[in-house]
């Protein structure tokens, strides 16, 4: 089994149903867990055990405290061949000093660096709604898009008003039945369009990350050139610390880039 841990309860799982349909041959092998807390809360929980407990144990204990059981009884970290985590940078978080916020994300990326061990962490800058931050695809100006810390406090509206050509995620997401939350029937034309848009988003995000990290606007020859650790380091050096802003990137395209050949 493969475990996908999402910070949010709605947007990420809904988007992933589309990715599951498009890219995974056996969706029954995937297990989705909605954590419902941000990365800094997860850091707090991991830190309480001095990072000696695995992510499945920590999540189960936290969610069972509010009478939720997203991971069945008897299932442990050893039952999963791979673990992936998707969380927001949450630049607008004012409960932490910026230095603490950054050091915690760095430590989390260092710990969650291998999907077959502790798990692999992917970060949204500044949050998952960055997936809509694009003009009509393909967007040749995507590499320029960034947002200040103040504007991150209302990023969802900010994206719609400033950057997004698309008013919803319908351009990259199949329709879900409101009752069952399962995918509605999909035409070949619709499937082709959605797949093409994801390909555009992947290309835009990867090229932008390569530009941020290495000043080269092109696909990197080596995937390590746009690792999550290098992206954070470049964000801090070029945007966060000197300018109090962050360059907009979304985590899903990086997962697609690294997971599939």
Protein backbone atom coordinates (compact mmCIF):
# COMPACT_ATOMS: atom_id res chain seq x y z
CA UNK A 1 0.00 0.00 0.00
CA UNK A 2 0.95 3.62 -0.54
CA UNK A 3 -0.06 6.20 2.07
CA UNK A 4 -0.84 9.79 1.10
CA UNK A 5 -1.11 12.23 4.00
CA UNK A 6 -2.81 15.55 3.24
CA UNK A 7 -2.99 18.61 5.44
CA UNK A 8 -6.44 19.58 4.17
CA UNK A 9 -9.67 17.64 4.25
CA UNK A 10 -11.24 18.87 1.01
CA UNK A 11 -9.06 20.36 -1.73
CA UNK A 12 -6.15 17.91 -1.69
CA UNK A 13 -8.20 14.67 -1.51
CA UNK A 14 -10.52 15.92 -4.27
CA UNK A 15 -7.61 16.79 -6.55
CA UNK A 16 -5.92 13.50 -5.81
CA UNK A 17 -8.93 11.52 -7.03
CA UNK A 18 -8.24 12.96 -10.47
CA UNK A 19 -4.52 12.17 -10.27
CA UNK A 20 -5.36 8.69 -9.08
CA UNK A 21 -7.57 8.14 -12.13
CA UNK A 22 -5.02 9.56 -14.56
CA UNK A 23 -1.80 8.06 -13.26
CA UNK A 24 -2.34 5.03 -11.02
CA UNK A 25 -3.23 1.69 -12.57
CA UNK A 26 -4.47 0.20 -9.30
CA UNK A 27 -6.21 2.87 -7.16
CA UNK A 28 -7.04 0.23 -4.52
CA UNK A 29 -3.39 0.31 -3.45
CA UNK A 30 -3.65 3.94 -2.32
CA UNK A 31 -4.67 5.02 1.17
CA UNK A 32 -5.56 8.66 1.81
CA UNK A 33 -5.32 10.22 5.26
CA UNK A 34 -6.53 13.77 5.91
CA UNK A 35 -4.55 15.10 8.87
CA UNK A 36 -6.45 18.36 9.35
CA UNK A 37 -3.57 20.26 10.98
CA UNK A 38 -0.73 22.30 9.51
CA UNK A 39 2.91 21.29 9.24
CA UNK A 40 3.85 23.20 12.38
CA UNK A 41 1.40 21.19 14.45
CA UNK A 42 2.83 18.03 12.94
CA UNK A 43 6.32 19.23 13.80
CA UNK A 44 5.21 19.79 17.40
CA UNK A 45 3.88 16.23 17.63
CA UNK A 46 6.99 14.73 16.06
CA UNK A 47 9.24 16.83 18.29
CA UNK A 48 7.45 15.64 21.44
CA UNK A 49 8.80 12.15 20.73
CA UNK A 50 12.19 13.55 19.65
CA UNK A 51 11.38 12.27 16.15
CA UNK A 52 11.58 8.66 17.35
CA UNK A 53 7.98 7.74 16.43
CA UNK A 54 6.88 7.07 12.87
CA UNK A 55 4.34 9.23 11.07
CA UNK A 56 1.57 6.61 11.14
CA UNK A 57 1.77 6.23 14.93
CA UNK A 58 1.75 9.99 15.45
CA UNK A 59 -1.20 10.58 13.11
CA UNK A 60 -3.27 7.75 14.53
CA UNK A 61 -2.83 9.02 18.09
CA UNK A 62 -3.69 12.61 17.16
CA UNK A 63 -6.77 11.79 15.12
CA UNK A 64 -8.06 9.18 17.53
CA UNK A 65 -8.06 11.92 20.18
CA UNK A 66 -10.92 13.48 18.22
CA UNK A 67 -12.60 10.12 17.56
CA UNK A 68 -11.34 9.73 13.99
CA UNK A 69 -9.78 6.58 12.61
CA UNK A 70 -8.48 7.30 9.09
CA UNK A 71 -6.01 4.44 9.35
CA UNK A 72 -7.54 1.06 10.27
CA UNK A 73 -6.70 -0.76 13.49
CA UNK A 74 -3.67 -3.00 13.19
CA UNK A 75 -2.19 -1.08 10.27
CA UNK A 76 1.32 0.25 10.95
CA UNK A 77 4.08 2.01 9.03
CA UNK A 78 5.46 -1.37 7.92
CA UNK A 79 2.26 -2.03 5.94
CA UNK A 80 3.08 0.83 3.57
CA UNK A 81 5.75 0.53 0.90
CA UNK A 82 5.77 4.32 0.42
CA UNK A 83 4.52 7.34 2.36
CA UNK A 84 3.98 10.82 0.89
CA UNK A 85 3.03 13.96 2.78
CA UNK A 86 1.64 17.19 1.30
CA UNK A 87 1.65 20.32 3.46
CA UNK A 88 1.54 24.09 3.07
CA UNK A 89 4.40 26.44 3.85
CA UNK A 90 1.77 28.75 5.43
CA UNK A 91 3.92 31.85 5.15
CA UNK A 92 1.13 33.86 6.80
CA UNK A 93 1.38 31.90 10.07
CA UNK A 94 1.96 34.58 12.73
CA UNK A 95 1.93 32.18 15.68
CA UNK A 96 5.63 31.55 15.05
CA UNK A 97 8.56 33.84 14.48
CA UNK A 98 9.72 33.61 10.88
CA UNK A 99 13.03 32.09 11.96
CA UNK A 100 11.23 29.34 13.89
CA UNK A 101 8.81 28.75 11.03
CA UNK A 102 11.66 28.24 8.57
CA UNK A 103 13.78 26.07 10.85
CA UNK A 104 10.84 23.75 11.50
CA UNK A 105 10.14 23.26 7.79
CA UNK A 106 13.85 22.61 7.20
CA UNK A 107 13.91 19.99 9.93
CA UNK A 108 10.77 18.34 8.61
CA UNK A 109 12.18 18.16 5.07
CA UNK A 110 15.35 16.64 6.47
CA UNK A 111 13.41 13.98 8.35
CA UNK A 112 10.78 13.26 5.67
CA UNK A 113 13.20 12.85 2.77
CA UNK A 114 12.61 9.23 1.69
CA UNK A 115 9.22 7.76 0.82
CA UNK A 116 10.39 4.24 1.66
CA UNK A 117 11.69 5.22 5.11
CA UNK A 118 10.16 8.01 7.22
CA UNK A 119 8.14 9.38 4.30
CA UNK A 120 8.59 12.01 1.60
CA UNK A 121 7.37 15.56 2.24
CA UNK A 122 6.21 17.97 -0.49
CA UNK A 123 5.59 21.65 0.27
CA UNK A 124 3.09 24.09 -1.30
CA UNK A 125 4.25 27.70 -1.49
CA UNK A 126 2.41 29.28 0.16
CA UNK A 127 -0.52 26.81 0.18
CA UNK A 128 -2.39 24.26 -1.95
CA UNK A 129 -4.47 26.96 -3.68
CA UNK A 130 -1.30 27.81 -5.61
CA UNK A 131 -2.48 25.13 -8.06
CA UNK A 132 -4.90 27.75 -9.46
CA UNK A 133 -2.22 30.41 -9.76
CA UNK A 134 -1.93 30.46 -13.52
CA UNK A 135 -3.21 32.33 -16.51
CA UNK A 136 -4.63 30.33 -19.41
CA UNK A 137 -2.42 27.28 -19.87
CA UNK A 138 0.34 27.24 -20.87
CA UNK A 139 1.34 30.37 -18.95
CA UNK A 140 4.70 31.77 -20.06
CA UNK A 141 4.73 34.23 -17.14
CA UNK A 142 4.25 31.70 -14.34
CA UNK A 143 7.92 31.86 -13.37
CA UNK A 144 7.40 35.49 -12.28
CA UNK A 145 4.57 34.90 -9.81
CA UNK A 146 5.21 35.55 -6.13
CA UNK A 147 3.26 36.78 -3.13
CA UNK A 148 4.07 38.84 -0.03
CA UNK A 149 3.60 37.53 3.48
CA UNK A 150 0.78 40.01 4.11
CA UNK A 151 -1.13 38.91 1.00
CA UNK A 152 -0.74 35.26 2.02
CA UNK A 153 -3.20 35.88 4.85
CA UNK A 154 -5.98 35.98 2.26
CA UNK A 155 -4.29 33.96 -0.45
CA UNK A 156 -7.37 32.15 -1.76
CA UNK A 157 -9.04 35.41 -2.77
CA UNK A 158 -5.73 36.92 -3.80
CA UNK A 159 -5.11 34.15 -6.33
CA UNK A 160 -8.54 34.59 -7.89
CA UNK A 161 -8.24 38.35 -8.11
CA UNK A 162 -4.62 38.72 -9.22
CA UNK A 163 -3.41 35.63 -11.07
CA UNK A 164 -5.93 32.95 -11.86
CA UNK A 165 -7.56 32.65 -15.26
CA UNK A 166 -9.56 29.71 -13.88
CA UNK A 167 -12.24 30.42 -11.29
CA UNK A 168 -12.30 26.86 -9.96
CA UNK A 169 -10.26 23.66 -10.19
CA UNK A 170 -12.49 22.25 -12.95
CA UNK A 171 -9.66 22.74 -15.45
CA UNK A 172 -7.63 20.05 -13.65
CA UNK A 173 -10.27 18.05 -11.81
CA UNK A 174 -12.99 15.62 -12.80
CA UNK A 175 -16.44 16.17 -11.36
CA UNK A 176 -17.38 14.36 -8.15
CA UNK A 177 -20.78 13.09 -7.15
CA UNK A 178 -21.92 15.26 -4.23
CA UNK A 179 -23.29 12.29 -2.28
CA UNK A 180 -20.78 9.53 -2.90
CA UNK A 181 -17.72 11.79 -3.50
CA UNK A 182 -16.80 9.43 -6.33
CA UNK A 183 -15.93 10.46 -9.89
CA UNK A 184 -18.76 10.98 -12.32
CA UNK A 185 -18.54 9.43 -15.82
CA UNK A 186 -15.60 10.83 -17.80
CA UNK A 187 -15.45 11.30 -21.56
CA UNK A 188 -12.25 10.70 -23.51
CA UNK A 189 -12.19 14.35 -24.55
CA UNK A 190 -12.44 15.49 -20.95
CA UNK A 191 -9.76 13.07 -19.84
CA UNK A 192 -7.40 14.29 -22.55
CA UNK A 193 -7.97 17.95 -21.61
CA UNK A 194 -7.39 17.40 -17.89
CA UNK A 195 -4.27 15.35 -18.53
CA UNK A 196 -2.89 18.01 -20.84
CA UNK A 197 -3.48 20.72 -18.22
CA UNK A 198 -1.65 18.70 -15.56
CA UNK A 199 1.25 18.29 -17.97
CA UNK A 200 1.36 22.06 -18.43
CA UNK A 201 1.28 22.64 -14.67
CA UNK A 202 4.05 20.14 -14.12
CA UNK A 203 6.23 21.78 -16.75
CA UNK A 204 5.59 25.28 -15.38
CA UNK A 205 6.36 24.38 -11.79
CA UNK A 206 9.46 22.30 -12.54
CA UNK A 207 10.98 24.88 -14.88
CA UNK A 208 10.25 27.63 -12.38
CA UNK A 209 11.86 25.68 -9.56
CA UNK A 210 14.92 25.04 -11.71
CA UNK A 211 15.09 28.76 -12.40
CA UNK A 212 14.76 29.60 -8.70
CA UNK A 213 17.37 27.05 -7.62
CA UNK A 214 19.85 27.19 -10.49
CA UNK A 215 18.99 30.24 -12.66
CA UNK A 216 18.10 27.96 -15.56
CA UNK A 217 14.59 28.08 -17.02
CA UNK A 218 14.33 24.57 -18.43
CA UNK A 219 13.72 21.00 -17.35
CA UNK A 220 16.59 19.85 -15.12
CA UNK A 221 18.71 16.93 -16.27
CA UNK A 222 18.74 15.58 -12.72
CA UNK A 223 15.70 15.54 -10.46
CA UNK A 224 17.88 16.37 -7.46
CA UNK A 225 18.38 19.84 -8.98
CA UNK A 226 14.87 20.75 -7.82
CA UNK A 227 14.69 18.77 -4.59
CA UNK A 228 12.34 19.99 -1.88
CA UNK A 229 15.33 20.92 0.29
CA UNK A 230 16.93 23.00 -2.48
CA UNK A 231 13.67 24.75 -3.25
CA UNK A 232 13.19 25.78 0.38
CA UNK A 233 16.80 26.95 0.63
CA UNK A 234 16.38 29.07 -2.51
CA UNK A 235 13.04 30.44 -1.34
CA UNK A 236 14.64 31.58 1.91
CA UNK A 237 17.73 33.12 0.33
CA UNK A 238 16.06 34.84 -2.62
CA UNK A 239 12.57 35.70 -1.43
CA UNK A 240 11.53 35.02 2.16
CA UNK A 241 14.38 36.59 4.12
CA UNK A 242 15.41 39.52 1.89
CA UNK A 243 11.98 40.44 0.49
CA UNK A 244 9.37 39.00 2.88
CA UNK A 245 7.70 37.21 -0.04
CA UNK A 246 7.56 33.72 -1.49
CA UNK A 247 7.69 32.44 -5.05
CA UNK A 248 4.50 30.52 -5.86
CA UNK A 249 4.83 26.76 -6.40
CA UNK A 250 2.54 23.78 -5.95
CA UNK A 251 3.50 20.39 -4.51
CA UNK A 252 1.50 18.06 -6.79
CA UNK A 253 3.52 18.73 -9.98
CA UNK A 254 6.72 17.85 -8.12
CA UNK A 255 5.25 14.57 -6.95
CA UNK A 256 4.27 13.74 -10.55
CA UNK A 257 7.71 14.75 -11.79
CA UNK A 258 9.56 12.57 -9.27
CA UNK A 259 7.20 9.61 -9.06
CA UNK A 260 6.62 8.92 -12.74
CA UNK A 261 9.35 8.52 -15.33
